[in-house]
N, C-alpha and C. Protein backbone atom coordinates (compact mmCIF):
# COMPACT_ATOMS: atom_id res chain seq x y z
N MET A 1 193.11 187.79 252.00
CA MET A 1 192.28 186.80 252.69
C MET A 1 191.44 186.01 251.70
N LYS A 2 190.75 186.75 250.81
CA LYS A 2 189.87 186.11 249.84
C LYS A 2 190.65 185.22 248.90
N TRP A 3 191.80 185.72 248.39
CA TRP A 3 192.58 184.93 247.45
C TRP A 3 193.20 183.73 248.13
N GLY A 4 193.64 183.88 249.39
CA GLY A 4 194.21 182.75 250.11
C GLY A 4 193.21 181.63 250.28
N LEU A 5 191.98 181.98 250.70
CA LEU A 5 190.94 180.98 250.87
C LEU A 5 190.55 180.37 249.54
N GLY A 6 190.54 181.20 248.47
CA GLY A 6 190.16 180.69 247.17
C GLY A 6 191.14 179.66 246.66
N ILE A 7 192.43 179.92 246.81
CA ILE A 7 193.44 178.98 246.37
C ILE A 7 193.37 177.69 247.18
N LEU A 8 193.16 177.81 248.50
CA LEU A 8 193.03 176.62 249.35
C LEU A 8 191.82 175.80 248.92
N SER A 9 190.70 176.46 248.66
CA SER A 9 189.49 175.76 248.25
C SER A 9 189.71 175.04 246.94
N LEU A 10 190.37 175.71 245.99
CA LEU A 10 190.61 175.10 244.68
C LEU A 10 191.50 173.88 244.82
N ALA A 11 192.53 173.97 245.66
CA ALA A 11 193.41 172.82 245.86
C ALA A 11 192.66 171.64 246.46
N MET A 12 191.74 171.93 247.38
CA MET A 12 190.97 170.86 248.02
C MET A 12 190.05 170.16 247.03
N VAL A 13 189.35 170.94 246.21
CA VAL A 13 188.39 170.32 245.30
C VAL A 13 189.08 169.59 244.16
N MET A 14 190.29 170.02 243.78
CA MET A 14 191.01 169.33 242.72
C MET A 14 191.47 167.95 243.14
N GLN A 15 191.50 167.72 244.46
CA GLN A 15 191.87 166.42 244.98
C GLN A 15 190.68 165.47 245.07
N ALA A 16 189.49 165.94 244.70
CA ALA A 16 188.27 165.15 244.89
C ALA A 16 188.17 163.99 243.92
N GLY A 17 188.90 164.02 242.83
CA GLY A 17 188.86 162.89 241.89
C GLY A 17 188.85 163.37 240.46
N ILE A 18 189.42 162.54 239.57
CA ILE A 18 189.55 162.92 238.17
C ILE A 18 188.20 163.07 237.51
N ALA A 19 187.22 162.25 237.87
CA ALA A 19 185.90 162.28 237.23
C ALA A 19 185.13 163.55 237.56
N SER A 20 185.45 164.19 238.67
CA SER A 20 184.76 165.41 239.07
C SER A 20 185.25 166.60 238.25
N GLN A 21 184.37 167.56 238.06
CA GLN A 21 184.74 168.82 237.42
C GLN A 21 184.69 169.93 238.46
N VAL A 22 185.59 170.89 238.32
CA VAL A 22 185.63 172.01 239.24
C VAL A 22 184.88 173.18 238.63
N PHE A 23 183.93 173.73 239.39
CA PHE A 23 183.10 174.83 238.93
C PHE A 23 183.45 176.09 239.72
N ASP A 24 183.67 177.18 239.00
CA ASP A 24 184.04 178.46 239.59
C ASP A 24 182.78 179.31 239.73
N PHE A 25 182.48 179.76 240.96
CA PHE A 25 181.25 180.50 241.22
C PHE A 25 181.45 182.01 241.31
N GLU A 26 182.61 182.50 240.91
CA GLU A 26 182.78 183.96 240.81
C GLU A 26 182.22 184.35 239.44
N ASP A 27 180.98 184.73 239.42
CA ASP A 27 180.18 184.84 238.20
C ASP A 27 180.64 185.96 237.28
N GLU A 28 181.10 185.59 236.10
CA GLU A 28 181.55 186.59 235.13
C GLU A 28 180.39 187.41 234.57
N LYS A 29 179.17 186.92 234.70
CA LYS A 29 178.01 187.66 234.22
C LYS A 29 177.50 188.65 235.27
N GLY A 30 177.94 188.47 236.51
CA GLY A 30 177.58 189.41 237.57
C GLY A 30 176.16 189.30 238.08
N ILE A 31 175.58 188.10 237.98
CA ILE A 31 174.21 187.91 238.43
C ILE A 31 174.13 187.15 239.75
N ASN A 32 175.08 186.29 240.02
CA ASN A 32 175.05 185.51 241.26
C ASN A 32 174.90 186.40 242.48
N HIS A 33 174.03 186.00 243.39
CA HIS A 33 173.91 186.73 244.65
C HIS A 33 173.22 185.86 245.70
N VAL A 34 173.34 186.29 246.93
CA VAL A 34 172.71 185.62 248.06
C VAL A 34 171.69 186.58 248.66
N LEU A 35 170.47 186.10 248.90
CA LEU A 35 169.43 186.91 249.52
C LEU A 35 169.38 186.66 251.02
N VAL A 36 169.14 187.72 251.79
CA VAL A 36 168.96 187.58 253.25
C VAL A 36 167.65 188.26 253.63
N ILE A 37 166.91 187.63 254.54
CA ILE A 37 165.62 188.15 254.97
C ILE A 37 165.52 188.06 256.49
N LEU A 38 165.16 189.18 257.13
CA LEU A 38 164.93 189.22 258.57
C LEU A 38 163.53 189.79 258.78
N ASP A 39 162.63 188.98 259.30
CA ASP A 39 161.23 189.37 259.45
C ASP A 39 160.91 189.51 260.93
N ALA A 40 161.10 190.73 261.45
CA ALA A 40 160.85 191.02 262.87
C ALA A 40 159.42 191.55 263.04
N PRO A 41 158.91 191.59 264.29
CA PRO A 41 157.53 192.05 264.51
C PRO A 41 157.25 193.45 263.97
N LEU A 42 158.24 194.36 264.06
CA LEU A 42 157.99 195.74 263.64
C LEU A 42 158.59 196.09 262.29
N GLU A 43 159.62 195.36 261.84
CA GLU A 43 160.28 195.72 260.59
C GLU A 43 160.68 194.49 259.80
N PHE A 44 160.54 194.61 258.49
CA PHE A 44 160.97 193.57 257.56
C PHE A 44 162.21 194.08 256.85
N ILE A 45 163.32 193.36 257.01
CA ILE A 45 164.59 193.76 256.40
C ILE A 45 164.99 192.71 255.37
N SER A 46 165.36 193.16 254.20
CA SER A 46 165.85 192.24 253.18
C SER A 46 167.09 192.84 252.53
N GLY A 47 167.87 191.99 251.91
CA GLY A 47 169.07 192.47 251.25
C GLY A 47 169.68 191.39 250.39
N LYS A 48 170.73 191.77 249.69
CA LYS A 48 171.44 190.79 248.86
C LYS A 48 172.93 191.06 248.89
N GLY A 49 173.70 189.98 248.77
CA GLY A 49 175.14 190.08 248.70
C GLY A 49 175.62 189.55 247.37
N GLU A 50 176.36 190.37 246.63
CA GLU A 50 176.81 189.99 245.29
C GLU A 50 178.27 189.56 245.26
N GLY A 51 178.99 189.74 246.36
CA GLY A 51 180.42 189.41 246.37
C GLY A 51 180.67 187.96 246.69
N LEU A 52 180.18 187.07 245.83
CA LEU A 52 180.28 185.64 246.08
C LEU A 52 181.37 185.02 245.21
N SER A 53 182.12 184.09 245.78
CA SER A 53 183.13 183.35 245.04
C SER A 53 183.28 181.98 245.65
N GLY A 54 184.06 181.14 245.00
CA GLY A 54 184.30 179.80 245.53
C GLY A 54 184.36 178.76 244.43
N PHE A 55 184.72 177.55 244.82
CA PHE A 55 184.84 176.44 243.88
C PHE A 55 184.11 175.22 244.44
N ILE A 56 183.39 174.53 243.56
CA ILE A 56 182.72 173.29 243.92
C ILE A 56 183.18 172.20 242.95
N SER A 57 183.57 171.05 243.49
CA SER A 57 183.92 169.89 242.68
C SER A 57 182.70 168.97 242.63
N TYR A 58 182.24 168.69 241.41
CA TYR A 58 180.97 167.95 241.26
C TYR A 58 181.09 166.93 240.13
N ASP A 59 180.63 165.72 240.41
CA ASP A 59 180.56 164.65 239.43
C ASP A 59 179.10 164.24 239.28
N PRO A 60 178.47 164.49 238.11
CA PRO A 60 177.04 164.15 237.96
C PRO A 60 176.75 162.67 238.10
N GLU A 61 177.78 161.83 237.93
CA GLU A 61 177.60 160.39 238.10
C GLU A 61 177.78 159.96 239.56
N ALA A 62 178.35 160.83 240.36
CA ALA A 62 178.57 160.51 241.78
C ALA A 62 178.44 161.79 242.61
N PRO A 63 177.24 162.36 242.70
CA PRO A 63 177.06 163.63 243.42
C PRO A 63 177.41 163.55 244.90
N GLN A 64 177.40 162.34 245.46
CA GLN A 64 177.74 162.18 246.88
C GLN A 64 179.20 162.53 247.16
N LYS A 65 180.01 162.68 246.13
CA LYS A 65 181.42 163.03 246.31
C LYS A 65 181.66 164.53 246.26
N THR A 66 180.60 165.30 246.22
CA THR A 66 180.73 166.76 246.07
C THR A 66 181.49 167.38 247.24
N THR A 67 182.42 168.27 246.92
CA THR A 67 183.17 169.03 247.94
C THR A 67 183.34 170.46 247.45
N GLY A 68 183.79 171.32 248.34
CA GLY A 68 184.10 172.70 247.95
C GLY A 68 183.64 173.71 248.98
N SER A 69 183.68 174.96 248.61
CA SER A 69 183.29 176.02 249.54
C SER A 69 182.85 177.26 248.78
N LEU A 70 182.01 178.06 249.43
CA LEU A 70 181.56 179.34 248.90
C LEU A 70 181.85 180.43 249.91
N HIS A 71 182.25 181.60 249.41
CA HIS A 71 182.61 182.73 250.26
C HIS A 71 181.78 183.95 249.86
N LEU A 72 181.27 184.67 250.84
CA LEU A 72 180.51 185.89 250.58
C LEU A 72 181.18 187.05 251.30
N GLN A 73 181.52 188.09 250.55
CA GLN A 73 182.11 189.29 251.14
C GLN A 73 181.03 190.06 251.90
N VAL A 74 181.27 190.31 253.18
CA VAL A 74 180.28 191.00 254.01
C VAL A 74 179.98 192.39 253.47
N ASP A 75 181.01 193.10 253.00
CA ASP A 75 180.78 194.47 252.53
C ASP A 75 180.12 194.53 251.16
N SER A 76 179.73 193.37 250.62
CA SER A 76 178.95 193.36 249.38
C SER A 76 177.46 193.25 249.66
N ILE A 77 177.08 193.06 250.92
CA ILE A 77 175.67 192.91 251.27
C ILE A 77 175.02 194.30 251.35
N GLU A 78 173.96 194.48 250.60
CA GLU A 78 173.21 195.74 250.59
C GLU A 78 171.80 195.47 251.09
N LEU A 79 171.39 196.20 252.12
CA LEU A 79 170.03 196.07 252.66
C LEU A 79 169.09 197.03 251.94
N ASN A 80 167.81 196.95 252.27
CA ASN A 80 166.82 197.78 251.60
C ASN A 80 166.83 199.23 252.10
N ASN A 81 167.75 199.57 252.97
CA ASN A 81 167.87 200.92 253.49
C ASN A 81 169.36 201.26 253.60
N HIS A 82 169.77 202.39 253.04
CA HIS A 82 171.20 202.74 252.99
C HIS A 82 171.80 202.89 254.38
N LEU A 83 171.08 203.54 255.30
CA LEU A 83 171.61 203.74 256.65
C LEU A 83 171.77 202.40 257.36
N MET A 84 170.79 201.50 257.18
CA MET A 84 170.91 200.17 257.77
C MET A 84 172.15 199.45 257.25
N THR A 85 172.40 199.58 255.95
CA THR A 85 173.57 198.93 255.35
C THR A 85 174.85 199.45 255.97
N LYS A 86 174.95 200.76 256.10
CA LYS A 86 176.14 201.38 256.68
C LYS A 86 176.35 200.91 258.12
N ASN A 87 175.27 200.89 258.91
CA ASN A 87 175.38 200.44 260.30
C ASN A 87 175.74 198.97 260.39
N MET A 88 175.23 198.17 259.46
CA MET A 88 175.47 196.73 259.48
C MET A 88 176.95 196.40 259.38
N TYR A 89 177.72 197.20 258.65
CA TYR A 89 179.15 196.94 258.50
C TYR A 89 179.94 197.25 259.78
N GLY A 90 179.36 197.97 260.71
CA GLY A 90 180.07 198.43 261.90
C GLY A 90 180.32 197.35 262.94
N LYS A 91 181.07 197.72 263.97
CA LYS A 91 181.49 196.76 265.00
C LYS A 91 180.32 196.18 265.78
N ARG A 92 179.26 196.96 265.94
CA ARG A 92 178.12 196.49 266.74
C ARG A 92 177.39 195.34 266.06
N TRP A 93 177.47 195.30 264.72
CA TRP A 93 176.69 194.32 263.98
C TRP A 93 177.60 193.29 263.33
N LEU A 94 177.84 193.35 262.02
CA LEU A 94 178.61 192.30 261.35
C LEU A 94 180.12 192.53 261.36
N ASN A 95 180.54 193.74 261.73
CA ASN A 95 181.97 194.04 261.89
C ASN A 95 182.76 193.58 260.66
N ALA A 96 182.45 194.19 259.52
CA ALA A 96 183.07 193.78 258.25
C ALA A 96 184.58 193.93 258.25
N ALA A 97 185.11 194.87 259.02
CA ALA A 97 186.56 195.06 259.05
C ALA A 97 187.27 193.87 259.69
N GLU A 98 186.68 193.33 260.76
CA GLU A 98 187.31 192.21 261.46
C GLU A 98 186.91 190.86 260.90
N HIS A 99 185.70 190.76 260.37
CA HIS A 99 185.20 189.49 259.82
C HIS A 99 184.68 189.74 258.40
N PRO A 100 185.60 189.87 257.44
CA PRO A 100 185.21 190.31 256.09
C PRO A 100 184.46 189.29 255.26
N GLU A 101 184.49 188.01 255.66
CA GLU A 101 183.85 186.98 254.84
C GLU A 101 182.91 186.09 255.66
N ILE A 102 181.88 185.61 254.97
CA ILE A 102 181.03 184.54 255.48
C ILE A 102 181.33 183.33 254.63
N LEU A 103 181.59 182.19 255.25
CA LEU A 103 182.10 181.02 254.53
C LEU A 103 181.26 179.79 254.84
N PHE A 104 180.95 179.04 253.78
CA PHE A 104 180.38 177.70 253.95
C PHE A 104 181.29 176.72 253.25
N SER A 105 181.84 175.79 254.01
CA SER A 105 182.73 174.77 253.48
C SER A 105 182.03 173.42 253.52
N LEU A 106 181.69 172.91 252.35
CA LEU A 106 180.91 171.68 252.24
C LEU A 106 181.81 170.46 252.45
N SER A 107 181.43 169.61 253.39
CA SER A 107 182.23 168.41 253.66
C SER A 107 181.59 167.15 253.12
N THR A 108 180.24 167.04 253.20
CA THR A 108 179.55 165.86 252.65
C THR A 108 178.23 166.30 252.02
N PHE A 109 177.81 165.53 251.02
CA PHE A 109 176.51 165.77 250.39
C PHE A 109 175.79 164.44 250.25
N GLU A 110 174.57 164.38 250.78
CA GLU A 110 173.77 163.16 250.71
C GLU A 110 172.62 163.36 249.72
N PRO A 111 172.70 162.77 248.53
CA PRO A 111 171.60 162.90 247.57
C PRO A 111 170.33 162.23 248.11
N ILE A 112 169.19 162.86 247.91
CA ILE A 112 167.92 162.32 248.38
C ILE A 112 166.97 162.05 247.21
N GLN A 113 166.98 162.94 246.23
CA GLN A 113 166.07 162.80 245.09
C GLN A 113 166.78 163.26 243.82
N ALA A 114 166.59 162.52 242.74
CA ALA A 114 167.19 162.88 241.45
C ALA A 114 166.13 162.85 240.36
N GLU A 115 166.19 163.86 239.49
CA GLU A 115 165.28 163.94 238.35
C GLU A 115 166.06 164.50 237.17
N ASP A 116 166.40 163.64 236.23
CA ASP A 116 167.26 164.02 235.11
C ASP A 116 168.58 164.56 235.65
N SER A 117 168.93 165.80 235.32
CA SER A 117 170.21 166.35 235.76
C SER A 117 170.13 167.03 237.13
N LEU A 118 168.92 167.13 237.67
CA LEU A 118 168.72 167.82 238.95
C LEU A 118 168.80 166.83 240.11
N VAL A 119 169.66 167.15 241.08
CA VAL A 119 169.82 166.30 242.27
C VAL A 119 169.58 167.14 243.51
N ARG A 120 168.63 166.70 244.34
CA ARG A 120 168.36 167.37 245.61
C ARG A 120 168.89 166.52 246.75
N GLY A 121 169.37 167.19 247.80
CA GLY A 121 169.88 166.44 248.93
C GLY A 121 170.21 167.35 250.10
N GLU A 122 171.00 166.82 251.02
CA GLU A 122 171.38 167.55 252.24
C GLU A 122 172.89 167.67 252.31
N ALA A 123 173.34 168.89 252.46
CA ALA A 123 174.78 169.16 252.57
C ALA A 123 175.14 169.41 254.03
N THR A 124 176.25 168.84 254.45
CA THR A 124 176.81 169.09 255.78
C THR A 124 178.12 169.83 255.60
N GLY A 125 178.32 170.87 256.38
CA GLY A 125 179.56 171.62 256.27
C GLY A 125 179.72 172.61 257.40
N ASN A 126 180.84 173.31 257.39
CA ASN A 126 181.14 174.31 258.40
C ASN A 126 180.73 175.70 257.90
N PHE A 127 179.91 176.37 258.70
CA PHE A 127 179.45 177.72 258.39
C PHE A 127 180.17 178.68 259.33
N SER A 128 180.94 179.61 258.74
CA SER A 128 181.73 180.56 259.53
C SER A 128 181.14 181.96 259.38
N PHE A 129 180.78 182.56 260.51
CA PHE A 129 180.10 183.85 260.52
C PHE A 129 180.46 184.57 261.81
N LEU A 130 180.86 185.82 261.71
CA LEU A 130 181.22 186.63 262.88
C LEU A 130 182.33 185.99 263.72
N GLY A 131 183.24 185.27 263.06
CA GLY A 131 184.34 184.64 263.77
C GLY A 131 183.99 183.35 264.47
N VAL A 132 182.76 182.88 264.29
CA VAL A 132 182.31 181.63 264.90
C VAL A 132 182.04 180.63 263.79
N THR A 133 182.49 179.39 263.99
CA THR A 133 182.28 178.33 263.00
C THR A 133 181.45 177.22 263.62
N LYS A 134 180.37 176.86 262.93
CA LYS A 134 179.50 175.78 263.38
C LYS A 134 179.23 174.82 262.23
N GLU A 135 179.10 173.54 262.57
CA GLU A 135 178.69 172.57 261.56
C GLU A 135 177.18 172.63 261.41
N ILE A 136 176.71 172.77 260.18
CA ILE A 136 175.28 172.84 259.93
C ILE A 136 174.91 171.90 258.79
N LYS A 137 173.63 171.58 258.70
CA LYS A 137 173.08 170.79 257.60
C LYS A 137 172.07 171.65 256.87
N VAL A 138 172.19 171.72 255.55
CA VAL A 138 171.29 172.57 254.77
C VAL A 138 170.81 171.82 253.53
N PRO A 139 169.57 172.08 253.09
CA PRO A 139 169.10 171.49 251.84
C PRO A 139 169.79 172.16 250.66
N VAL A 140 170.23 171.36 249.71
CA VAL A 140 170.93 171.89 248.54
C VAL A 140 170.48 171.10 247.31
N SER A 141 170.35 171.80 246.19
CA SER A 141 170.12 171.11 244.92
C SER A 141 171.22 171.50 243.94
N PHE A 142 171.63 170.53 243.13
CA PHE A 142 172.61 170.76 242.06
C PHE A 142 171.97 170.39 240.73
N ASN A 143 172.14 171.24 239.75
CA ASN A 143 171.66 170.94 238.40
C ASN A 143 172.84 171.09 237.45
N TYR A 144 173.31 169.96 236.92
CA TYR A 144 174.46 169.94 236.02
C TYR A 144 173.96 170.09 234.59
N LEU A 145 174.44 171.15 233.93
CA LEU A 145 173.99 171.46 232.57
C LEU A 145 175.19 171.45 231.63
N LYS A 146 175.30 170.40 230.84
CA LYS A 146 176.45 170.22 229.96
C LYS A 146 176.38 171.16 228.76
N ASP A 147 177.51 171.77 228.43
CA ASP A 147 177.64 172.65 227.26
C ASP A 147 176.62 173.78 227.26
N ALA A 148 176.25 174.28 228.44
CA ALA A 148 175.14 175.23 228.53
C ALA A 148 175.57 176.68 228.71
N ALA A 149 176.87 176.95 228.78
CA ALA A 149 177.31 178.32 229.03
C ALA A 149 176.85 179.26 227.93
N ASN A 150 176.80 178.77 226.67
CA ASN A 150 176.38 179.64 225.57
C ASN A 150 174.91 180.04 225.70
N GLN A 151 174.11 179.18 226.34
CA GLN A 151 172.70 179.52 226.54
C GLN A 151 172.56 180.66 227.56
N ARG A 152 173.46 180.69 228.53
CA ARG A 152 173.43 181.76 229.53
C ARG A 152 174.01 183.06 228.95
N ALA A 153 175.01 182.91 228.08
CA ALA A 153 175.65 184.09 227.50
C ALA A 153 174.82 184.69 226.38
N GLY A 154 174.00 183.85 225.72
CA GLY A 154 173.20 184.34 224.61
C GLY A 154 174.05 184.74 223.43
N LYS A 155 173.70 185.84 222.78
CA LYS A 155 174.41 186.29 221.58
C LYS A 155 175.82 186.78 221.88
N LYS A 156 176.10 187.08 223.14
CA LYS A 156 177.42 187.61 223.48
C LYS A 156 178.53 186.60 223.27
N ASN A 157 178.23 185.32 223.47
CA ASN A 157 179.27 184.29 223.32
C ASN A 157 178.62 182.98 222.89
N PRO A 158 178.16 182.88 221.66
CA PRO A 158 177.43 181.70 221.21
C PRO A 158 178.28 180.44 221.10
N ASP A 159 179.61 180.59 221.10
CA ASP A 159 180.49 179.43 220.95
C ASP A 159 181.00 178.89 222.29
N ASP A 160 180.52 179.46 223.38
CA ASP A 160 180.97 179.03 224.71
C ASP A 160 180.32 177.68 225.06
N LYS A 161 181.13 176.63 225.16
CA LYS A 161 180.62 175.27 225.41
C LYS A 161 180.94 174.77 226.81
N ARG A 162 181.25 175.67 227.72
CA ARG A 162 181.54 175.22 229.08
C ARG A 162 180.29 174.66 229.76
N ASP A 163 180.52 173.77 230.72
CA ASP A 163 179.42 173.22 231.49
C ASP A 163 179.06 174.18 232.63
N LEU A 164 177.81 174.09 233.08
CA LEU A 164 177.34 174.91 234.19
C LEU A 164 176.86 174.02 235.33
N LEU A 165 176.98 174.53 236.55
CA LEU A 165 176.40 173.87 237.72
C LEU A 165 175.57 174.91 238.47
N VAL A 166 174.26 174.66 238.54
CA VAL A 166 173.34 175.56 239.24
C VAL A 166 173.15 175.04 240.66
N LEU A 167 173.46 175.86 241.64
CA LEU A 167 173.36 175.49 243.05
C LEU A 167 172.26 176.34 243.69
N ARG A 168 171.33 175.67 244.39
CA ARG A 168 170.26 176.37 245.08
C ARG A 168 170.15 175.84 246.51
N SER A 169 169.90 176.77 247.44
CA SER A 169 169.71 176.39 248.84
C SER A 169 168.88 177.44 249.54
N ASN A 170 168.15 177.01 250.55
CA ASN A 170 167.31 177.91 251.35
C ASN A 170 167.35 177.42 252.79
N PHE A 171 167.97 178.21 253.68
CA PHE A 171 168.12 177.78 255.07
C PHE A 171 168.11 178.98 256.00
N THR A 172 168.09 178.73 257.29
CA THR A 172 168.08 179.81 258.28
C THR A 172 169.21 179.63 259.28
N ILE A 173 169.65 180.76 259.84
CA ILE A 173 170.59 180.74 260.95
C ILE A 173 170.04 181.66 262.03
N LEU A 174 170.53 181.51 263.26
CA LEU A 174 170.14 182.36 264.38
C LEU A 174 171.33 183.23 264.78
N LEU A 175 171.13 184.53 264.83
CA LEU A 175 172.22 185.46 265.12
C LEU A 175 172.87 185.18 266.48
N ASP A 176 172.04 184.85 267.49
CA ASP A 176 172.62 184.66 268.83
C ASP A 176 173.52 183.43 268.90
N GLU A 177 173.35 182.48 267.99
CA GLU A 177 174.23 181.31 267.97
C GLU A 177 175.63 181.66 267.47
N TYR A 178 175.78 182.84 266.87
CA TYR A 178 177.08 183.28 266.36
C TYR A 178 177.59 184.51 267.13
N GLY A 179 177.02 184.71 268.32
CA GLY A 179 177.55 185.74 269.22
C GLY A 179 176.91 187.10 269.11
N LEU A 180 175.90 187.26 268.23
CA LEU A 180 175.23 188.56 268.12
C LEU A 180 173.92 188.50 268.92
N ASN A 181 174.03 188.84 270.19
CA ASN A 181 172.90 188.76 271.12
C ASN A 181 172.19 190.10 271.19
N LEU A 182 171.04 190.21 270.59
CA LEU A 182 170.29 191.45 270.57
C LEU A 182 169.39 191.55 271.80
N PRO A 183 169.31 192.72 272.43
CA PRO A 183 168.38 192.89 273.56
C PRO A 183 166.94 192.82 273.05
N PRO A 184 165.99 192.48 273.92
CA PRO A 184 164.57 192.35 273.49
C PRO A 184 164.03 193.53 272.70
N PRO A 185 164.31 194.80 273.09
CA PRO A 185 163.77 195.91 272.29
C PRO A 185 164.29 195.90 270.85
N ALA A 186 165.57 195.53 270.67
CA ALA A 186 166.14 195.51 269.32
C ALA A 186 165.53 194.40 268.48
N ARG A 187 165.13 193.29 269.11
CA ARG A 187 164.56 192.17 268.36
C ARG A 187 163.17 192.48 267.81
N LEU A 188 162.58 193.57 268.27
CA LEU A 188 161.32 193.99 267.68
C LEU A 188 161.53 194.52 266.26
N LYS A 189 162.76 195.00 265.99
CA LYS A 189 163.08 195.55 264.67
C LYS A 189 164.03 194.67 263.86
N VAL A 190 164.88 193.93 264.54
CA VAL A 190 165.86 193.07 263.86
C VAL A 190 165.64 191.64 264.32
N ALA A 191 165.17 190.79 263.44
CA ALA A 191 164.87 189.40 263.79
C ALA A 191 166.14 188.63 264.12
N ASN A 192 166.06 187.74 265.09
CA ASN A 192 167.18 186.87 265.42
C ASN A 192 167.38 185.82 264.33
N GLU A 193 166.28 185.43 263.69
CA GLU A 193 166.36 184.42 262.63
C GLU A 193 166.60 185.10 261.28
N VAL A 194 167.62 184.60 260.58
CA VAL A 194 167.96 185.12 259.26
C VAL A 194 167.72 184.03 258.22
N GLN A 195 166.87 184.32 257.26
CA GLN A 195 166.64 183.38 256.17
C GLN A 195 167.62 183.69 255.05
N ILE A 196 168.28 182.66 254.55
CA ILE A 196 169.30 182.82 253.52
C ILE A 196 168.89 182.01 252.29
N LYS A 197 168.84 182.68 251.15
CA LYS A 197 168.51 182.03 249.89
C LYS A 197 169.70 182.14 248.95
N VAL A 198 170.15 180.99 248.46
CA VAL A 198 171.31 180.95 247.57
C VAL A 198 170.86 180.38 246.23
N ASN A 199 171.06 181.15 245.16
CA ASN A 199 170.74 180.71 243.80
C ASN A 199 171.88 181.17 242.89
N VAL A 200 172.84 180.29 242.65
CA VAL A 200 174.07 180.70 241.98
C VAL A 200 174.46 179.69 240.90
N VAL A 201 175.30 180.15 239.98
CA VAL A 201 175.74 179.33 238.86
C VAL A 201 177.27 179.33 238.80
N GLY A 202 177.86 178.14 238.61
CA GLY A 202 179.30 178.02 238.44
C GLY A 202 179.66 177.51 237.06
N TYR A 203 180.85 177.89 236.61
CA TYR A 203 181.34 177.51 235.29
C TYR A 203 182.55 176.57 235.41
N THR A 204 182.68 175.63 234.47
CA THR A 204 183.93 174.89 234.36
C THR A 204 184.97 175.82 233.75
N ALA A 205 186.22 175.41 233.82
CA ALA A 205 187.31 176.24 233.31
C ALA A 205 187.21 176.39 231.81
N LYS A 206 187.69 177.54 231.31
CA LYS A 206 187.69 177.80 229.87
C LYS A 206 188.71 176.87 229.18
């Protein structure tokens, strides 16, 4: 499933134009991750998912042409409590066996503010979660860093001259909009609103 979607995503972004570069977000350094926060009246739940992959096609001279998608493996999400994590993978909650991935497929990007290599704007795309797909708009920033891979690698690879693309986003989703309807007693411990923070880096091809 993951490889099939990855190949499809790569084929789509390679069609975006010769001037664009394709950035791979399956981080070889193992730092990329997505944060999730649920702040309910009785309990605060936080976690992170490290199983992120995907491809983004980006042209620093024309950021409005940005396309691509990011995928997060559900079974890579770890909450602040081991038992909660185990339960989260089950059928009652995220059902990782039936819905193994969370996907955001970016269709359009509208730049709003630019400062040097940093471009902030609004991305529109399809968000797929728990077998439900909805079109959403989220704030996104892109920072294109030319020949910067060696700075991230440090002494381990000082000759690495690949370009980097830093992607950041902070948005919320509602669980009941994707079919996870919690009864009122459960919402005292598990918030319906999920805050998602994305801070990831992609590399151009070697």
